[in-house]
Protein backbone atom coordinates (compact mmCIF):
# COMPACT_ATOMS: atom_id res chain seq x y z
CA MET A 1 162.52 108.85 112.95
CA SER A 2 162.97 110.26 109.48
CA THR A 3 160.10 111.11 107.18
CA LYS A 4 161.05 108.19 104.95
CA GLU A 5 160.99 105.74 107.89
CA LYS A 6 157.63 107.07 109.04
CA TYR A 7 156.23 106.68 105.52
CA GLN A 8 157.49 103.08 105.32
CA GLU A 9 155.98 102.28 108.72
CA ASP A 10 152.62 103.78 107.71
CA LEU A 11 152.74 101.78 104.48
CA LEU A 12 153.33 98.51 106.35
CA VAL A 13 150.39 99.20 108.66
CA ALA A 14 148.14 100.00 105.69
CA GLU A 15 149.18 96.78 103.93
CA GLN A 16 148.35 94.74 107.02
CA GLU A 17 144.94 96.39 107.31
CA ASP A 18 144.19 95.69 103.64
CA GLN A 19 144.88 91.96 103.89
CA GLU A 20 141.72 90.06 103.22
CA ASN A 21 140.23 87.58 105.61
CA GLN A 22 138.74 84.31 104.42
CA ILE A 23 135.91 82.03 105.42
CA VAL A 24 137.13 78.45 105.39
CA LEU A 25 134.49 75.72 105.23
CA TYR A 26 135.38 72.33 106.72
CA ASN A 27 134.13 68.86 105.87
CA ASP A 28 131.78 67.05 108.22
CA GLU A 29 129.86 63.81 108.17
CA VAL A 30 126.49 65.45 108.87
CA ASN A 31 125.50 67.86 106.11
CA THR A 32 124.39 66.83 102.64
CA PHE A 33 125.86 68.24 99.45
CA ASP A 34 122.52 69.89 98.72
CA HIS A 35 122.44 71.67 102.08
CA VAL A 36 126.02 72.91 101.72
CA ILE A 37 125.35 74.13 98.18
CA GLU A 38 122.14 75.91 99.21
CA MET A 39 123.91 77.65 102.10
CA LEU A 40 126.84 78.78 99.96
CA VAL A 41 124.48 80.23 97.37
CA ALA A 42 122.39 82.00 100.02
CA THR A 43 125.21 83.13 102.29
CA CYS A 44 128.27 83.68 100.13
CA GLU A 45 126.52 84.75 96.92
CA HIS A 46 127.97 81.80 95.00
CA THR A 47 126.52 80.58 91.75
CA THR A 48 125.24 77.01 91.89
CA ILE A 49 128.31 75.83 89.99
CA GLN A 50 130.70 77.65 92.38
CA ALA A 51 128.91 76.18 95.37
CA GLU A 52 129.03 72.67 93.89
CA GLN A 53 132.76 73.00 93.23
CA CYS A 54 133.41 74.21 96.78
CA ALA A 55 131.34 71.34 98.21
CA ILE A 56 133.37 68.83 96.19
CA ILE A 57 136.67 70.39 97.29
CA VAL A 58 135.55 70.31 100.94
CA HIS A 59 134.51 66.68 100.57
CA TYR A 60 137.81 65.52 99.08
CA LYS A 61 140.32 67.96 100.61
CA GLY A 62 138.66 68.52 104.00
CA LYS A 63 138.37 72.28 103.65
CA CYS A 64 137.94 75.09 101.14
CA THR A 65 138.06 78.88 101.20
CA VAL A 66 134.55 79.92 100.24
CA LYS A 67 134.64 83.72 100.60
CA SER A 68 137.28 86.45 100.97
CA GLY A 69 136.81 90.00 102.13
CA SER A 70 136.84 92.30 105.11
CA PHE A 71 136.20 90.88 108.55
CA GLU A 72 133.11 93.07 108.88
CA ASP A 73 131.63 91.53 105.71
CA LEU A 74 132.58 87.96 106.56
CA LYS A 75 131.48 87.81 110.20
CA PRO A 76 127.70 87.71 109.57
CA ARG A 77 128.18 85.32 106.66
CA CYS A 78 130.23 82.92 108.77
CA SER A 79 127.70 83.17 111.59
CA LYS A 80 124.92 82.22 109.18
CA LEU A 81 126.90 79.18 107.99
CA LEU A 82 127.49 78.11 111.59
CA LYS A 83 123.81 78.55 112.50
CA ALA A 84 122.98 76.31 109.52
CA GLY A 85 125.11 73.57 111.07
CA LEU A 86 128.17 73.91 108.85
CA SER A 87 131.74 73.97 110.16
CA ALA A 88 133.45 77.23 109.20
CA GLU A 89 135.81 79.86 110.53
CA ILE A 90 137.29 83.18 109.52
CA ILE A 91 141.05 83.20 109.09
């Protein structure tokens, strides 16, 4: 393998590692808008307006990306949302 090929391979690996993960929040028929908004403010550091907008998107579209970042940052946030009874996953 040439130096150029090795560099390109290393670059591809670095790009894959840098890709951000996302927490996706899903609609349910259980939680109130107020509860969802409170949890997004507390867990994802949203402003009230951001949280309201996400709650509306989830309600009408069925899902919404509510936070992006590293897996290590998102895992405890997603766990907190799940413990609060919300439907969410990291993708």
